[in-house]
Amino acid sequence: MSTDSPLLHLEHVVKNYRKLRAVDDLSFSIQPGEFVGFIGPNGAGKSTTMGSIAGILNPDSGVIKAGGVNVLDDPINARKVVSFVPQHLELYGYLTGLEYLQFVSSAKEIAPEDAKTQIEELLELSELTKAKHRLIKEYSGGMARKIAICGALLGPPKVLLLDESFVGLDPESTFALQQRLQRFCTEQGGAILLSSHILDMLERLCTRIIMLASGKLVLDQPMHELHELFKSKHGPNNLTELYLEKADKLDIVKKGS
């Protein structure tokens, strides 16, 4: 883990929806190079947290900084640092895949030659080169998700937020994108917060796991420490069992054994 200043910092973040406290006094930081799995039951507050980091939602209290920029005080500059792929995509359906990536690169103020090189690389990586002139509204769900991830990687950003971003992807695209995301962290010094219910994938891919339950932080541990825990005789055997334990659903494991 890097000892540099964190790329993402949350401090005592609270978000309420009427009488429901969706995020409850949440604090954590993510350093450059970290690939963090973000887990928790449905309704735990993961998407609300990501939307708050991305500047889409306004927390009721707390501090969120991305790349040193205060997201709440300076949302425009914060969006230059953070890229977000939400679970429910809202893309420009009447643009082609290529036009969409060109639009994103222009919005991010990427130099035209750099944008051209990055777009070509990402289209090839995601196997969308042959579909780049098709309208996005004609894309399958998996293709739309891939073009959204490609747009998020343009720049590149400093912080990448991915909310259930591997749903509907074929195995070959999943593998290629996972490798590309790992390079984003290890070679480009970016930070990723990836929300997913595919726990065995997170166990292989991530360097750290953060878990929420009822809006509260219930787990924040490096993956190498969790691997040691899984080797012990009396602890959980894997991330799925640890998740069920923290979510108070361990009886599911016992019933299945």
Protein backbone atom coordinates (compact mmCIF):
# COMPACT_ATOMS: atom_id res chain seq x y z
CA MET A 1 0.00 0.00 0.00
CA SER A 2 1.24 3.48 -0.86
CA THR A 3 2.05 5.96 1.88
CA ASP A 4 1.12 8.89 -0.39
CA SER A 5 -1.85 11.13 0.31
CA PRO A 6 -5.10 9.23 -0.26
CA LEU A 7 -6.81 9.56 -3.64
CA LEU A 8 -10.15 9.10 -1.94
CA HIS A 9 -11.04 10.18 1.59
CA LEU A 10 -14.40 9.97 3.36
CA GLU A 11 -14.84 11.35 6.86
CA HIS A 12 -18.01 10.93 8.94
CA VAL A 13 -20.30 10.85 5.90
CA VAL A 14 -24.04 10.67 6.64
CA LYS A 15 -26.85 10.40 4.10
CA ASN A 16 -30.54 10.16 5.03
CA TYR A 17 -33.59 9.42 2.91
CA ARG A 18 -36.41 10.78 5.09
CA LYS A 19 -36.35 8.49 8.13
CA LEU A 20 -33.90 6.00 6.59
CA ARG A 21 -30.20 6.49 7.34
CA ALA A 22 -28.61 5.03 4.21
CA VAL A 23 -25.01 5.93 5.12
CA ASP A 24 -24.16 6.17 8.82
CA ASP A 25 -20.99 8.00 9.91
CA LEU A 26 -18.85 6.39 7.21
CA SER A 27 -15.10 7.03 7.12
CA PHE A 28 -12.36 5.41 5.02
CA SER A 29 -9.48 6.35 2.71
CA ILE A 30 -8.08 4.72 -0.43
CA GLN A 31 -4.45 5.16 -1.44
CA PRO A 32 -2.95 5.29 -4.96
CA GLY A 33 -2.67 1.80 -6.42
CA GLU A 34 -5.38 0.24 -4.27
CA PHE A 35 -8.08 -1.94 -5.86
CA VAL A 36 -10.83 -2.08 -3.26
CA GLY A 37 -13.80 -4.44 -3.26
CA PHE A 38 -16.93 -2.78 -1.87
CA ILE A 39 -19.41 -5.33 -0.52
CA GLY A 40 -22.57 -5.56 1.54
CA PRO A 41 -26.20 -6.69 1.37
CA ASN A 42 -28.72 -4.96 -0.87
CA GLY A 43 -29.61 -1.65 0.75
CA ALA A 44 -26.37 -1.48 2.72
CA GLY A 45 -25.52 1.97 1.34
CA LYS A 46 -22.94 1.10 -1.33
CA SER A 47 -24.63 2.81 -4.28
CA THR A 48 -25.50 5.84 -2.14
CA THR A 49 -21.87 6.11 -1.07
CA MET A 50 -20.66 5.89 -4.66
CA GLY A 51 -23.22 8.44 -5.83
CA SER A 52 -22.04 10.79 -3.09
CA ILE A 53 -18.39 10.37 -4.09
CA ALA A 54 -19.30 11.03 -7.72
CA GLY A 55 -21.12 14.23 -6.76
CA ILE A 56 -24.54 12.96 -7.89
CA LEU A 57 -25.93 12.87 -4.34
CA ASN A 58 -25.37 15.39 -1.56
CA PRO A 59 -24.61 13.88 1.86
CA ASP A 60 -26.29 15.46 4.87
CA SER A 61 -22.93 15.80 6.60
CA GLY A 62 -19.31 14.74 6.37
CA VAL A 63 -16.33 15.31 4.09
CA ILE A 64 -15.51 13.63 0.77
CA LYS A 65 -12.25 14.39 -1.03
CA ALA A 66 -11.09 12.89 -4.33
CA GLY A 67 -7.56 13.62 -5.48
CA GLY A 68 -7.43 16.29 -2.79
CA VAL A 69 -10.53 18.05 -4.20
CA ASN A 70 -13.49 18.55 -1.86
CA VAL A 71 -16.37 16.92 -3.76
CA LEU A 72 -19.07 18.90 -1.96
CA ASP A 73 -17.39 22.32 -2.27
CA ASP A 74 -15.93 21.91 -5.76
CA PRO A 75 -17.98 19.31 -7.67
CA ILE A 76 -16.85 20.46 -11.13
CA ASN A 77 -13.15 19.89 -10.47
CA ALA A 78 -13.96 16.72 -8.52
CA ARG A 79 -15.56 15.27 -11.66
CA LYS A 80 -12.23 15.71 -13.44
CA VAL A 81 -10.72 13.33 -10.89
CA VAL A 82 -13.50 10.74 -10.51
CA SER A 83 -15.09 8.47 -13.13
CA PHE A 84 -18.26 6.59 -12.21
CA VAL A 85 -19.99 3.65 -13.90
CA PRO A 86 -23.33 3.24 -12.09
CA GLN A 87 -25.27 0.02 -11.86
CA HIS A 88 -28.11 1.46 -13.93
CA LEU A 89 -26.59 2.97 -17.05
CA GLU A 90 -27.86 6.15 -18.69
CA LEU A 91 -26.00 6.48 -21.98
CA TYR A 92 -26.65 8.59 -25.09
CA GLY A 93 -28.45 5.99 -27.19
CA TYR A 94 -28.42 8.01 -30.40
CA LEU A 95 -24.62 8.28 -30.43
CA THR A 96 -22.47 5.53 -31.86
CA GLY A 97 -19.95 3.87 -29.58
CA LEU A 98 -17.17 5.87 -31.19
CA GLU A 99 -19.10 9.14 -30.95
CA TYR A 100 -19.80 8.48 -27.28
CA LEU A 101 -16.11 7.96 -26.49
CA GLN A 102 -15.18 11.04 -28.51
CA PHE A 103 -17.77 13.07 -26.59
CA VAL A 104 -16.43 11.80 -23.25
CA SER A 105 -12.83 12.55 -24.22
CA SER A 106 -13.85 16.08 -25.26
CA ALA A 107 -15.68 16.62 -21.96
CA LYS A 108 -12.57 15.44 -20.12
CA GLU A 109 -10.46 17.86 -22.21
CA ILE A 110 -8.15 15.12 -23.49
CA ALA A 111 -5.88 16.19 -26.33
CA PRO A 112 -7.27 14.88 -29.66
CA GLU A 113 -4.28 12.68 -30.53
CA ASP A 114 -4.17 11.18 -27.04
CA ALA A 115 -7.93 10.62 -27.17
CA LYS A 116 -7.65 8.84 -30.53
CA THR A 117 -4.97 6.49 -29.22
CA GLN A 118 -6.85 5.75 -26.00
CA ILE A 119 -10.16 5.17 -27.77
CA GLU A 120 -8.63 2.74 -30.26
CA GLU A 121 -6.94 0.79 -27.44
CA LEU A 122 -10.10 0.60 -25.34
CA LEU A 123 -12.34 -0.40 -28.25
CA GLU A 124 -9.94 -3.21 -29.12
CA LEU A 125 -9.67 -4.29 -25.49
CA SER A 126 -13.45 -4.49 -25.11
CA GLU A 127 -13.94 -6.12 -28.54
CA LEU A 128 -16.12 -3.24 -29.70
CA THR A 129 -14.02 -2.08 -32.67
CA LYS A 130 -16.40 -3.66 -35.20
CA ALA A 131 -19.40 -2.17 -33.38
CA LYS A 132 -17.99 1.34 -32.95
CA HIS A 133 -20.23 2.82 -35.69
CA ARG A 134 -23.43 1.23 -34.34
CA LEU A 135 -25.83 3.28 -32.23
CA ILE A 136 -25.54 2.57 -28.52
CA LYS A 137 -29.31 1.97 -28.38
CA GLU A 138 -28.65 -1.08 -30.59
CA TYR A 139 -26.03 -2.48 -28.19
CA SER A 140 -26.73 -5.42 -25.92
CA GLY A 141 -26.64 -4.81 -22.18
CA GLY A 142 -23.12 -6.23 -21.98
CA MET A 143 -21.89 -4.08 -24.88
CA ALA A 144 -23.39 -0.95 -23.30
CA ARG A 145 -21.65 -1.75 -20.03
CA LYS A 146 -18.33 -2.23 -21.82
CA ILE A 147 -18.59 1.11 -23.65
CA ALA A 148 -19.42 2.81 -20.33
CA ILE A 149 -16.31 1.30 -18.70
CA CYS A 150 -14.22 2.40 -21.70
CA GLY A 151 -15.52 5.95 -21.26
CA ALA A 152 -14.70 5.86 -17.56
CA LEU A 153 -11.12 4.79 -18.25
CA LEU A 154 -10.43 7.64 -20.66
CA GLY A 155 -8.06 10.25 -19.31
CA PRO A 156 -7.26 8.39 -17.16
CA PRO A 157 -9.09 9.49 -13.99
CA LYS A 158 -7.48 9.23 -10.56
CA VAL A 159 -10.43 7.45 -8.94
CA LEU A 160 -12.65 4.90 -10.67
CA LEU A 161 -16.01 3.90 -9.16
CA LEU A 162 -17.60 0.75 -10.57
CA ASP A 163 -21.04 -0.33 -9.32
CA GLU A 164 -21.82 -3.93 -10.37
CA SER A 165 -19.92 -3.29 -13.60
CA PHE A 166 -19.26 -6.91 -14.59
CA VAL A 167 -22.92 -7.93 -14.72
CA GLY A 168 -23.80 -9.29 -18.16
CA LEU A 169 -20.24 -9.39 -19.51
CA ASP A 170 -18.92 -12.45 -21.30
CA PRO A 171 -15.97 -14.29 -19.69
CA GLU A 172 -13.38 -13.10 -22.22
CA SER A 173 -14.37 -9.43 -21.85
CA THR A 174 -14.46 -9.80 -18.07
CA PHE A 175 -10.92 -11.21 -18.03
CA ALA A 176 -9.53 -8.53 -20.37
CA LEU A 177 -11.15 -5.67 -18.46
CA GLN A 178 -10.03 -7.05 -15.11
CA GLN A 179 -6.43 -7.06 -16.34
CA ARG A 180 -6.83 -3.51 -17.67
CA LEU A 181 -8.23 -2.34 -14.33
CA GLN A 182 -5.36 -3.93 -12.45
CA ARG A 183 -2.91 -2.06 -14.71
CA PHE A 184 -4.82 1.16 -13.98
CA CYS A 185 -3.90 0.66 -10.33
CA THR A 186 -0.43 -0.86 -10.54
CA GLU A 187 1.00 1.08 -13.51
CA GLN A 188 -0.99 4.34 -13.48
CA GLY A 189 -1.35 4.72 -9.73
CA GLY A 190 -5.12 5.00 -9.84
CA ALA A 191 -7.56 3.88 -7.17
CA ILE A 192 -10.63 1.70 -7.79
CA LEU A 193 -13.71 1.15 -5.65
CA LEU A 194 -15.59 -1.82 -7.14
CA SER A 195 -18.99 -2.84 -5.81
CA SER A 196 -20.00 -6.40 -6.66
CA HIS A 197 -21.83 -9.43 -5.30
CA ILE A 198 -19.41 -11.71 -7.20
CA LEU A 199 -17.32 -12.34 -4.10
CA ASP A 200 -14.99 -14.99 -5.50
CA MET A 201 -13.99 -12.51 -8.23
CA LEU A 202 -13.26 -9.81 -5.64
CA GLU A 203 -11.22 -12.29 -3.62
CA ARG A 204 -8.96 -12.87 -6.63
CA LEU A 205 -8.89 -9.33 -7.94
CA CYS A 206 -8.81 -6.86 -5.06
CA THR A 207 -6.07 -5.73 -2.69
CA ARG A 208 -8.54 -4.77 0.04
CA ILE A 209 -12.15 -5.33 1.05
CA ILE A 210 -14.57 -2.82 2.58
CA MET A 211 -17.99 -3.99 3.74
CA LEU A 212 -21.07 -2.02 4.73
CA ALA A 213 -24.15 -3.23 6.59
CA SER A 214 -27.07 -0.89 7.30
CA GLY A 215 -24.94 2.04 6.21
CA LYS A 216 -22.15 1.30 8.68
CA LEU A 217 -18.60 0.13 8.08
CA VAL A 218 -18.30 -3.45 9.38
CA LEU A 219 -15.12 -4.60 7.63
CA ASP A 220 -12.04 -2.86 6.23
CA GLN A 221 -9.08 -5.18 5.74
CA PRO A 222 -6.28 -5.83 3.23
CA MET A 223 -6.81 -8.93 1.11
CA HIS A 224 -3.50 -10.49 2.14
CA GLU A 225 -4.65 -10.44 5.78
CA LEU A 226 -7.96 -12.01 4.80
CA HIS A 227 -6.14 -14.78 2.91
CA GLU A 228 -4.25 -15.57 6.12
CA LEU A 229 -7.53 -15.60 8.02
CA PHE A 230 -9.02 -18.04 5.51
CA LYS A 231 -6.10 -20.43 6.09
CA SER A 232 -6.74 -20.58 9.84
CA LYS A 233 -8.57 -23.57 11.31
CA HIS A 234 -11.35 -21.72 13.08
CA GLY A 235 -12.01 -18.78 10.76
CA PRO A 236 -14.13 -18.49 7.60
CA ASN A 237 -12.81 -20.39 4.57
CA ASN A 238 -13.34 -17.63 2.02
CA LEU A 239 -14.77 -14.17 1.41
CA THR A 240 -18.29 -15.53 0.92
CA GLU A 241 -18.33 -17.11 4.38
CA LEU A 242 -16.85 -13.96 5.93
CA TYR A 243 -19.50 -11.87 4.19
CA LEU A 244 -22.29 -14.11 5.50
CA GLU A 245 -20.82 -13.92 8.98
CA LYS A 246 -20.63 -10.12 8.95
CA ALA A 247 -24.13 -9.90 7.46
CA ASP A 248 -25.45 -12.21 10.17
CA LYS A 249 -26.42 -14.81 7.57
CA LEU A 250 -24.06 -17.58 8.66
CA ASP A 251 -27.01 -19.94 9.13
CA ILE A 252 -27.11 -20.19 5.31
CA VAL A 253 -23.66 -21.83 5.38
CA LYS A 254 -24.63 -24.17 8.21
CA LYS A 255 -27.80 -25.27 6.40
CA GLY A 256 -25.82 -26.03 3.27
CA SER A 257 -23.14 -28.05 5.03
